[in-house]
Amino acid sequence: MVGLRKAQQAHLTNLTLAALRRARANDPDFPAPAGKRGA
């Protein structure tokens, strides 16, 4: 499991971190978090 920043850097390089954060907030199909590490 990874945070959005690591996911973008290592696996989703065609998307920006801002796009992932925007999708997390606005896209109902965005996956639910599987856990937490601190905040």
ModelCIF file with pLDDT and N, C-alpha, C, O atoms, coordinates in Angstrom:
data_MODEL
#
_entry.id   MODEL 
#
_entity.id                         1 
_entity.type                       polymer 
_entity.pdbx_number_of_molecules   1 
#
_entity_poly.entity_id                      1 
_entity_poly.type                           'polypeptide(L)' 
_entity_poly.nstd_linkage                   no 
_entity_poly.nstd_monomer                   no 
_entity_poly.pdbx_seq_one_letter_code       MVGLRKAQQAHLTNLTLAALRRARANDPDFPAPAGKRGA 
_entity_poly.pdbx_seq_one_letter_code_can   MVGLRKAQQAHLTNLTLAALRRARANDPDFPAPAGKRGA 
_entity_poly.pdbx_strand_id                 A 
#
loop_
_entity_poly_seq.entity_id 
_entity_poly_seq.num 
_entity_poly_seq.mon_id 
_entity_poly_seq.hetero 
1 1  MET n 
1 2  VAL n 
1 3  GLY n 
1 4  LEU n 
1 5  ARG n 
1 6  LYS n 
1 7  ALA n 
1 8  GLN n 
1 9  GLN n 
1 10 ALA n 
1 11 HIS n 
1 12 LEU n 
1 13 THR n 
1 14 ASN n 
1 15 LEU n 
1 16 THR n 
1 17 LEU n 
1 18 ALA n 
1 19 ALA n 
1 20 LEU n 
1 21 ARG n 
1 22 ARG n 
1 23 ALA n 
1 24 ARG n 
1 25 ALA n 
1 26 ASN n 
1 27 ASP n 
1 28 PRO n 
1 29 ASP n 
1 30 PHE n 
1 31 PRO n 
1 32 ALA n 
1 33 PRO n 
1 34 ALA n 
1 35 GLY n 
1 36 LYS n 
1 37 ARG n 
1 38 GLY n 
1 39 ALA n 
#
_struct_asym.id          A 
_struct_asym.entity_id   1 
#
loop_
_ma_qa_metric.id 
_ma_qa_metric.mode 
_ma_qa_metric.name 
_ma_qa_metric.software_group_id 
_ma_qa_metric.type 
1 global pLDDT . pLDDT 
2 local  pLDDT . pLDDT 
#
_ma_qa_metric_global.metric_id      1 
_ma_qa_metric_global.metric_value   94.26 
_ma_qa_metric_global.model_id       1 
_ma_qa_metric_global.ordinal_id     1 
#
loop_
_ma_qa_metric_local.label_asym_id 
_ma_qa_metric_local.label_comp_id 
_ma_qa_metric_local.label_seq_id 
_ma_qa_metric_local.metric_id 
_ma_qa_metric_local.metric_value 
_ma_qa_metric_local.model_id 
_ma_qa_metric_local.ordinal_id 
A MET 1  2 94.00 1 1  
A VAL 2  2 96.00 1 2  
A GLY 3  2 96.00 1 3  
A LEU 4  2 95.00 1 4  
A ARG 5  2 95.00 1 5  
A LYS 6  2 96.00 1 6  
A ALA 7  2 95.00 1 7  
A GLN 8  2 95.00 1 8  
A GLN 9  2 96.00 1 9  
A ALA 10 2 95.00 1 10 
A HIS 11 2 93.00 1 11 
A LEU 12 2 93.00 1 12 
A THR 13 2 92.00 1 13 
A ASN 14 2 90.00 1 14 
A LEU 15 2 91.00 1 15 
A THR 16 2 93.00 1 16 
A LEU 17 2 94.00 1 17 
A ALA 18 2 94.00 1 18 
A ALA 19 2 92.00 1 19 
A LEU 20 2 94.00 1 20 
A ARG 21 2 95.00 1 21 
A ARG 22 2 94.00 1 22 
A ALA 23 2 93.00 1 23 
A ARG 24 2 95.00 1 24 
A ALA 25 2 94.00 1 25 
A ASN 26 2 92.00 1 26 
A ASP 27 2 92.00 1 27 
A PRO 28 2 92.00 1 28 
A ASP 29 2 93.00 1 29 
A PHE 30 2 94.00 1 30 
A PRO 31 2 96.00 1 31 
A ALA 32 2 97.00 1 32 
A PRO 33 2 97.00 1 33 
A ALA 34 2 96.00 1 34 
A GLY 35 2 96.00 1 35 
A LYS 36 2 96.00 1 36 
A ARG 37 2 95.00 1 37 
A GLY 38 2 96.00 1 38 
A ALA 39 2 94.00 1 39 
#
loop_
_atom_site.group_PDB 
_atom_site.id 
_atom_site.type_symbol 
_atom_site.label_atom_id 
_atom_site.label_alt_id 
_atom_site.label_comp_id 
_atom_site.label_asym_id 
_atom_site.label_entity_id 
_atom_site.label_seq_id 
_atom_site.pdbx_PDB_ins_code 
_atom_site.Cartn_x 
_atom_site.Cartn_y 
_atom_site.Cartn_z 
_atom_site.occupancy 
_atom_site.B_iso_or_equiv 
_atom_site.pdbx_formal_charge 
_atom_site.auth_seq_id 
_atom_site.auth_comp_id 
_atom_site.auth_asym_id 
_atom_site.auth_atom_id 
_atom_site.pdbx_PDB_model_num 
ATOM 1   N N  . MET A 1 1  ? 0.835   -1.171 0.000   1.00 94.00 ? 1  MET A N  1 
ATOM 2   C CA . MET A 1 1  ? 0.000   0.000  0.000   1.00 94.00 ? 1  MET A CA 1 
ATOM 3   C C  . MET A 1 1  ? 0.888   1.246  0.000   1.00 94.00 ? 1  MET A C  1 
ATOM 4   O O  . MET A 1 1  ? 1.947   1.278  0.626   1.00 94.00 ? 1  MET A O  1 
ATOM 5   N N  . VAL A 1 2  ? 0.429   2.259  -0.713  1.00 96.00 ? 2  VAL A N  1 
ATOM 6   C CA . VAL A 1 2  ? 1.211   3.485  -0.868  1.00 96.00 ? 2  VAL A CA 1 
ATOM 7   C C  . VAL A 1 2  ? 0.306   4.709  -0.731  1.00 96.00 ? 2  VAL A C  1 
ATOM 8   O O  . VAL A 1 2  ? -0.910  4.630  -0.909  1.00 96.00 ? 2  VAL A O  1 
ATOM 9   N N  . GLY A 1 3  ? 0.928   5.835  -0.413  1.00 96.00 ? 3  GLY A N  1 
ATOM 10  C CA . GLY A 1 3  ? 0.228   7.114  -0.425  1.00 96.00 ? 3  GLY A CA 1 
ATOM 11  C C  . GLY A 1 3  ? 0.130   7.639  -1.849  1.00 96.00 ? 3  GLY A C  1 
ATOM 12  O O  . GLY A 1 3  ? 0.757   7.094  -2.758  1.00 96.00 ? 3  GLY A O  1 
ATOM 13  N N  . LEU A 1 4  ? -0.642  8.677  -2.046  1.00 95.00 ? 4  LEU A N  1 
ATOM 14  C CA . LEU A 1 4  ? -0.827  9.217  -3.403  1.00 95.00 ? 4  LEU A CA 1 
ATOM 15  C C  . LEU A 1 4  ? 0.476   9.707  -4.023  1.00 95.00 ? 4  LEU A C  1 
ATOM 16  O O  . LEU A 1 4  ? 0.707   9.498  -5.214  1.00 95.00 ? 4  LEU A O  1 
ATOM 17  N N  . ARG A 1 5  ? 1.329   10.353 -3.238  1.00 95.00 ? 5  ARG A N  1 
ATOM 18  C CA . ARG A 1 5  ? 2.587   10.871 -3.784  1.00 95.00 ? 5  ARG A CA 1 
ATOM 19  C C  . ARG A 1 5  ? 3.452   9.730  -4.313  1.00 95.00 ? 5  ARG A C  1 
ATOM 20  O O  . ARG A 1 5  ? 3.952   9.815  -5.435  1.00 95.00 ? 5  ARG A O  1 
ATOM 21  N N  . LYS A 1 6  ? 3.638   8.673  -3.536  1.00 96.00 ? 6  LYS A N  1 
ATOM 22  C CA . LYS A 1 6  ? 4.445   7.519  -3.980  1.00 96.00 ? 6  LYS A CA 1 
ATOM 23  C C  . LYS A 1 6  ? 3.800   6.829  -5.172  1.00 96.00 ? 6  LYS A C  1 
ATOM 24  O O  . LYS A 1 6  ? 4.491   6.407  -6.099  1.00 96.00 ? 6  LYS A O  1 
ATOM 25  N N  . ALA A 1 7  ? 2.477   6.713  -5.150  1.00 95.00 ? 7  ALA A N  1 
ATOM 26  C CA . ALA A 1 7  ? 1.773   6.078  -6.266  1.00 95.00 ? 7  ALA A CA 1 
ATOM 27  C C  . ALA A 1 7  ? 2.007   6.859  -7.554  1.00 95.00 ? 7  ALA A C  1 
ATOM 28  O O  . ALA A 1 7  ? 2.253   6.269  -8.606  1.00 95.00 ? 7  ALA A O  1 
ATOM 29  N N  . GLN A 1 8  ? 1.931   8.183  -7.471  1.00 95.00 ? 8  GLN A N  1 
ATOM 30  C CA . GLN A 1 8  ? 2.142   9.010  -8.657  1.00 95.00 ? 8  GLN A CA 1 
ATOM 31  C C  . GLN A 1 8  ? 3.572   8.897  -9.151  1.00 95.00 ? 8  GLN A C  1 
ATOM 32  O O  . GLN A 1 8  ? 3.795   8.776  -10.355 1.00 95.00 ? 8  GLN A O  1 
ATOM 33  N N  . GLN A 1 9  ? 4.540   8.935  -8.257  1.00 96.00 ? 9  GLN A N  1 
ATOM 34  C CA . GLN A 1 9  ? 5.944   8.898  -8.649  1.00 96.00 ? 9  GLN A CA 1 
ATOM 35  C C  . GLN A 1 9  ? 6.348   7.548  -9.229  1.00 96.00 ? 9  GLN A C  1 
ATOM 36  O O  . GLN A 1 9  ? 7.145   7.500  -10.166 1.00 96.00 ? 9  GLN A O  1 
ATOM 37  N N  . ALA A 1 10 ? 5.826   6.471  -8.703  1.00 95.00 ? 10 ALA A N  1 
ATOM 38  C CA . ALA A 1 10 ? 6.288   5.150  -9.095  1.00 95.00 ? 10 ALA A CA 1 
ATOM 39  C C  . ALA A 1 10 ? 5.376   4.422  -10.073 1.00 95.00 ? 10 ALA A C  1 
ATOM 40  O O  . ALA A 1 10 ? 5.850   3.607  -10.864 1.00 95.00 ? 10 ALA A O  1 
ATOM 41  N N  . HIS A 1 11 ? 4.069   4.703  -10.035 1.00 93.00 ? 11 HIS A N  1 
ATOM 42  C CA . HIS A 1 11 ? 3.146   3.870  -10.803 1.00 93.00 ? 11 HIS A CA 1 
ATOM 43  C C  . HIS A 1 11 ? 2.232   4.637  -11.747 1.00 93.00 ? 11 HIS A C  1 
ATOM 44  O O  . HIS A 1 11 ? 1.800   4.086  -12.759 1.00 93.00 ? 11 HIS A O  1 
ATOM 45  N N  . LEU A 1 12 ? 1.932   5.874  -11.445 1.00 93.00 ? 12 LEU A N  1 
ATOM 46  C CA . LEU A 1 12 ? 0.978   6.645  -12.252 1.00 93.00 ? 12 LEU A CA 1 
ATOM 47  C C  . LEU A 1 12 ? 1.633   7.921  -12.764 1.00 93.00 ? 12 LEU A C  1 
ATOM 48  O O  . LEU A 1 12 ? 1.111   9.019  -12.575 1.00 93.00 ? 12 LEU A O  1 
ATOM 49  N N  . THR A 1 13 ? 2.760   7.766  -13.401 1.00 92.00 ? 13 THR A N  1 
ATOM 50  C CA . THR A 1 13 ? 3.550   8.925  -13.829 1.00 92.00 ? 13 THR A CA 1 
ATOM 51  C C  . THR A 1 13 ? 2.856   9.779  -14.887 1.00 92.00 ? 13 THR A C  1 
ATOM 52  O O  . THR A 1 13 ? 3.243   10.927 -15.106 1.00 92.00 ? 13 THR A O  1 
ATOM 53  N N  . ASN A 1 14 ? 1.838   9.234  -15.541 1.00 90.00 ? 14 ASN A N  1 
ATOM 54  C CA . ASN A 1 14 ? 1.127   10.012 -16.561 1.00 90.00 ? 14 ASN A CA 1 
ATOM 55  C C  . ASN A 1 14 ? 0.115   10.976 -15.934 1.00 90.00 ? 14 ASN A C  1 
ATOM 56  O O  . ASN A 1 14 ? -0.460  11.804 -16.641 1.00 90.00 ? 14 ASN A O  1 
ATOM 57  N N  . LEU A 1 15 ? -0.111  10.882 -14.617 1.00 91.00 ? 15 LEU A N  1 
ATOM 58  C CA . LEU A 1 15 ? -1.006  11.786 -13.904 1.00 91.00 ? 15 LEU A CA 1 
ATOM 59  C C  . LEU A 1 15 ? -0.206  12.657 -12.946 1.00 91.00 ? 15 LEU A C  1 
ATOM 60  O O  . LEU A 1 15 ? 0.848   12.253 -12.455 1.00 91.00 ? 15 LEU A O  1 
ATOM 61  N N  . THR A 1 16 ? -0.708  13.833 -12.690 1.00 93.00 ? 16 THR A N  1 
ATOM 62  C CA . THR A 1 16 ? -0.038  14.695 -11.711 1.00 93.00 ? 16 THR A CA 1 
ATOM 63  C C  . THR A 1 16 ? -0.592  14.390 -10.317 1.00 93.00 ? 16 THR A C  1 
ATOM 64  O O  . THR A 1 16 ? -1.679  13.831 -10.174 1.00 93.00 ? 16 THR A O  1 
ATOM 65  N N  . LEU A 1 17 ? 0.160   14.761 -9.319  1.00 94.00 ? 17 LEU A N  1 
ATOM 66  C CA . LEU A 1 17 ? -0.295  14.589 -7.945  1.00 94.00 ? 17 LEU A CA 1 
ATOM 67  C C  . LEU A 1 17 ? -1.564  15.412 -7.712  1.00 94.00 ? 17 LEU A C  1 
ATOM 68  O O  . LEU A 1 17 ? -2.481  14.969 -7.021  1.00 94.00 ? 17 LEU A O  1 
ATOM 69  N N  . ALA A 1 18 ? -1.607  16.595 -8.285  1.00 94.00 ? 18 ALA A N  1 
ATOM 70  C CA . ALA A 1 18 ? -2.796  17.455 -8.147  1.00 94.00 ? 18 ALA A CA 1 
ATOM 71  C C  . ALA A 1 18 ? -4.026  16.776 -8.766  1.00 94.00 ? 18 ALA A C  1 
ATOM 72  O O  . ALA A 1 18 ? -5.120  16.857 -8.207  1.00 94.00 ? 18 ALA A O  1 
ATOM 73  N N  . ALA A 1 19 ? -3.857  16.118 -9.898  1.00 92.00 ? 19 ALA A N  1 
ATOM 74  C CA . ALA A 1 19 ? -4.976  15.419 -10.544 1.00 92.00 ? 19 ALA A CA 1 
ATOM 75  C C  . ALA A 1 19 ? -5.473  14.267 -9.674  1.00 92.00 ? 19 ALA A C  1 
ATOM 76  O O  . ALA A 1 19 ? -6.677  14.032 -9.576  1.00 92.00 ? 19 ALA A O  1 
ATOM 77  N N  . LEU A 1 20 ? -4.544  13.552 -9.046  1.00 94.00 ? 20 LEU A N  1 
ATOM 78  C CA . LEU A 1 20 ? -4.947  12.468 -8.154  1.00 94.00 ? 20 LEU A CA 1 
ATOM 79  C C  . LEU A 1 20 ? -5.703  13.004 -6.946  1.00 94.00 ? 20 LEU A C  1 
ATOM 80  O O  . LEU A 1 20 ? -6.715  12.434 -6.540  1.00 94.00 ? 20 LEU A O  1 
ATOM 81  N N  . ARG A 1 21 ? -5.220  14.086 -6.379  1.00 95.00 ? 21 ARG A N  1 
ATOM 82  C CA . ARG A 1 21 ? -5.897  14.674 -5.222  1.00 95.00 ? 21 ARG A CA 1 
ATOM 83  C C  . ARG A 1 21 ? -7.277  15.194 -5.606  1.00 95.00 ? 21 ARG A C  1 
ATOM 84  O O  . ARG A 1 21 ? -8.233  15.041 -4.846  1.00 95.00 ? 21 ARG A O  1 
ATOM 85  N N  . ARG A 1 22 ? -7.382  15.806 -6.777  1.00 94.00 ? 22 ARG A N  1 
ATOM 86  C CA . ARG A 1 22 ? -8.670  16.307 -7.255  1.00 94.00 ? 22 ARG A CA 1 
ATOM 87  C C  . ARG A 1 22 ? -9.640  15.144 -7.465  1.00 94.00 ? 22 ARG A C  1 
ATOM 88  O O  . ARG A 1 22 ? -10.811 15.229 -7.096  1.00 94.00 ? 22 ARG A O  1 
ATOM 89  N N  . ALA A 1 23 ? -9.151  14.070 -8.053  1.00 93.00 ? 23 ALA A N  1 
ATOM 90  C CA . ALA A 1 23 ? -9.993  12.899 -8.296  1.00 93.00 ? 23 ALA A CA 1 
ATOM 91  C C  . ALA A 1 23 ? -10.436 12.277 -6.974  1.00 93.00 ? 23 ALA A C  1 
ATOM 92  O O  . ALA A 1 23 ? -11.587 11.863 -6.832  1.00 93.00 ? 23 ALA A O  1 
ATOM 93  N N  . ARG A 1 24 ? -9.526  12.213 -6.014  1.00 95.00 ? 24 ARG A N  1 
ATOM 94  C CA . ARG A 1 24 ? -9.877  11.649 -4.704  1.00 95.00 ? 24 ARG A CA 1 
ATOM 95  C C  . ARG A 1 24 ? -11.041 12.429 -4.095  1.00 95.00 ? 24 ARG A C  1 
ATOM 96  O O  . ARG A 1 24 ? -11.921 11.840 -3.467  1.00 95.00 ? 24 ARG A O  1 
ATOM 97  N N  . ALA A 1 25 ? -11.050 13.741 -4.275  1.00 94.00 ? 25 ALA A N  1 
ATOM 98  C CA . ALA A 1 25 ? -12.091 14.583 -3.693  1.00 94.00 ? 25 ALA A CA 1 
ATOM 99  C C  . ALA A 1 25 ? -13.389 14.580 -4.497  1.00 94.00 ? 25 ALA A C  1 
ATOM 100 O O  . ALA A 1 25 ? -14.469 14.718 -3.921  1.00 94.00 ? 25 ALA A O  1 
ATOM 101 N N  . ASN A 1 26 ? -13.301 14.423 -5.821  1.00 92.00 ? 26 ASN A N  1 
ATOM 102 C CA . ASN A 1 26 ? -14.471 14.647 -6.672  1.00 92.00 ? 26 ASN A CA 1 
ATOM 103 C C  . ASN A 1 26 ? -14.991 13.428 -7.420  1.00 92.00 ? 26 ASN A C  1 
ATOM 104 O O  . ASN A 1 26 ? -16.143 13.435 -7.853  1.00 92.00 ? 26 ASN A O  1 
ATOM 105 N N  . ASP A 1 27 ? -14.197 12.394 -7.586  1.00 92.00 ? 27 ASP A N  1 
ATOM 106 C CA . ASP A 1 27 ? -14.586 11.241 -8.408  1.00 92.00 ? 27 ASP A CA 1 
ATOM 107 C C  . ASP A 1 27 ? -15.176 10.144 -7.521  1.00 92.00 ? 27 ASP A C  1 
ATOM 108 O O  . ASP A 1 27 ? -14.469 9.585  -6.682  1.00 92.00 ? 27 ASP A O  1 
ATOM 109 N N  . PRO A 1 28 ? -16.457 9.830  -7.695  1.00 92.00 ? 28 PRO A N  1 
ATOM 110 C CA . PRO A 1 28 ? -17.060 8.790  -6.859  1.00 92.00 ? 28 PRO A CA 1 
ATOM 111 C C  . PRO A 1 28 ? -16.483 7.399  -7.125  1.00 92.00 ? 28 PRO A C  1 
ATOM 112 O O  . PRO A 1 28 ? -16.636 6.500  -6.298  1.00 92.00 ? 28 PRO A O  1 
ATOM 113 N N  . ASP A 1 29 ? -15.823 7.214  -8.266  1.00 93.00 ? 29 ASP A N  1 
ATOM 114 C CA . ASP A 1 29 ? -15.236 5.916  -8.599  1.00 93.00 ? 29 ASP A CA 1 
ATOM 115 C C  . ASP A 1 29 ? -13.803 5.767  -8.082  1.00 93.00 ? 29 ASP A C  1 
ATOM 116 O O  . ASP A 1 29 ? -13.210 4.698  -8.223  1.00 93.00 ? 29 ASP A O  1 
ATOM 117 N N  . PHE A 1 30 ? -13.243 6.814  -7.491  1.00 94.00 ? 30 PHE A N  1 
ATOM 118 C CA . PHE A 1 30 ? -11.884 6.737  -6.964  1.00 94.00 ? 30 PHE A CA 1 
ATOM 119 C C  . PHE A 1 30 ? -11.855 5.713  -5.841  1.00 94.00 ? 30 PHE A C  1 
ATOM 120 O O  . PHE A 1 30 ? -12.757 5.692  -5.004  1.00 94.00 ? 30 PHE A O  1 
ATOM 121 N N  . PRO A 1 31 ? -10.828 4.860  -5.807  1.00 96.00 ? 31 PRO A N  1 
ATOM 122 C CA . PRO A 1 31 ? -10.798 3.803  -4.792  1.00 96.00 ? 31 PRO A CA 1 
ATOM 123 C C  . PRO A 1 31 ? -10.758 4.346  -3.360  1.00 96.00 ? 31 PRO A C  1 
ATOM 124 O O  . PRO A 1 31 ? -10.181 5.400  -3.088  1.00 96.00 ? 31 PRO A O  1 
ATOM 125 N N  . ALA A 1 32 ? -11.375 3.608  -2.479  1.00 97.00 ? 32 ALA A N  1 
ATOM 126 C CA . ALA A 1 32 ? -11.362 3.961  -1.063  1.00 97.00 ? 32 ALA A CA 1 
ATOM 127 C C  . ALA A 1 32 ? -9.995  3.635  -0.479  1.00 97.00 ? 32 ALA A C  1 
ATOM 128 O O  . ALA A 1 32 ? -9.333  2.702  -0.935  1.00 97.00 ? 32 ALA A O  1 
ATOM 129 N N  . PRO A 1 33 ? -9.570  4.386  0.515   1.00 97.00 ? 33 PRO A N  1 
ATOM 130 C CA . PRO A 1 33 ? -8.281  4.072  1.146   1.00 97.00 ? 33 PRO A CA 1 
ATOM 131 C C  . PRO A 1 33 ? -8.334  2.698  1.812   1.00 97.00 ? 33 PRO A C  1 
ATOM 132 O O  . PRO A 1 33 ? -9.370  2.286  2.333   1.00 97.00 ? 33 PRO A O  1 
ATOM 133 N N  . ALA A 1 34 ? -7.205  2.003  1.787   1.00 96.00 ? 34 ALA A N  1 
ATOM 134 C CA . ALA A 1 34 ? -7.120  0.672  2.382   1.00 96.00 ? 34 ALA A CA 1 
ATOM 135 C C  . ALA A 1 34 ? -6.491  0.717  3.764   1.00 96.00 ? 34 ALA A C  1 
ATOM 136 O O  . ALA A 1 34 ? -6.472  -0.291 4.470   1.00 96.00 ? 34 ALA A O  1 
ATOM 137 N N  . GLY A 1 35 ? -5.977  1.875  4.157   1.00 96.00 ? 35 GLY A N  1 
ATOM 138 C CA . GLY A 1 35 ? -5.349  2.005  5.459   1.00 96.00 ? 35 GLY A CA 1 
ATOM 139 C C  . GLY A 1 35 ? -4.834  3.410  5.674   1.00 96.00 ? 35 GLY A C  1 
ATOM 140 O O  . GLY A 1 35 ? -5.055  4.302  4.855   1.00 96.00 ? 35 GLY A O  1 
ATOM 141 N N  . LYS A 1 36 ? -4.142  3.596  6.792   1.00 96.00 ? 36 LYS A N  1 
ATOM 142 C CA . LYS A 1 36 ? -3.560  4.901  7.130   1.00 96.00 ? 36 LYS A CA 1 
ATOM 143 C C  . LYS A 1 36 ? -2.192  4.694  7.741   1.00 96.00 ? 36 LYS A C  1 
ATOM 144 O O  . LYS A 1 36 ? -1.942  3.701  8.425   1.00 96.00 ? 36 LYS A O  1 
ATOM 145 N N  . ARG A 1 37 ? -1.312  5.644  7.487   1.00 95.00 ? 37 ARG A N  1 
ATOM 146 C CA . ARG A 1 37 ? -0.013  5.720  8.156   1.00 95.00 ? 37 ARG A CA 1 
ATOM 147 C C  . ARG A 1 37 ? 0.081   7.124  8.717   1.00 95.00 ? 37 ARG A C  1 
ATOM 148 O O  . ARG A 1 37 ? 0.398   8.066  7.991   1.00 95.00 ? 37 ARG A O  1 
ATOM 149 N N  . GLY A 1 38 ? -0.191  7.271  9.998   1.00 96.00 ? 38 GLY A N  1 
ATOM 150 C CA . GLY A 1 38 ? -0.302  8.601  10.573  1.00 96.00 ? 38 GLY A CA 1 
ATOM 151 C C  . GLY A 1 38 ? -1.522  9.276  9.988   1.00 96.00 ? 38 GLY A C  1 
ATOM 152 O O  . GLY A 1 38 ? -2.630  8.749  10.083  1.00 96.00 ? 38 GLY A O  1 
ATOM 153 N N  . ALA A 1 39 ? -1.333  10.433 9.384   1.00 94.00 ? 39 ALA A N  1 
ATOM 154 C CA . ALA A 1 39 ? -2.437  11.148 8.742   1.00 94.00 ? 39 ALA A CA 1 
ATOM 155 C C  . ALA A 1 39 ? -2.571  10.794 7.260   1.00 94.00 ? 39 ALA A C  1 
ATOM 156 O O  . ALA A 1 39 ? -3.454  11.314 6.578   1.00 94.00 ? 39 ALA A O  1 
#
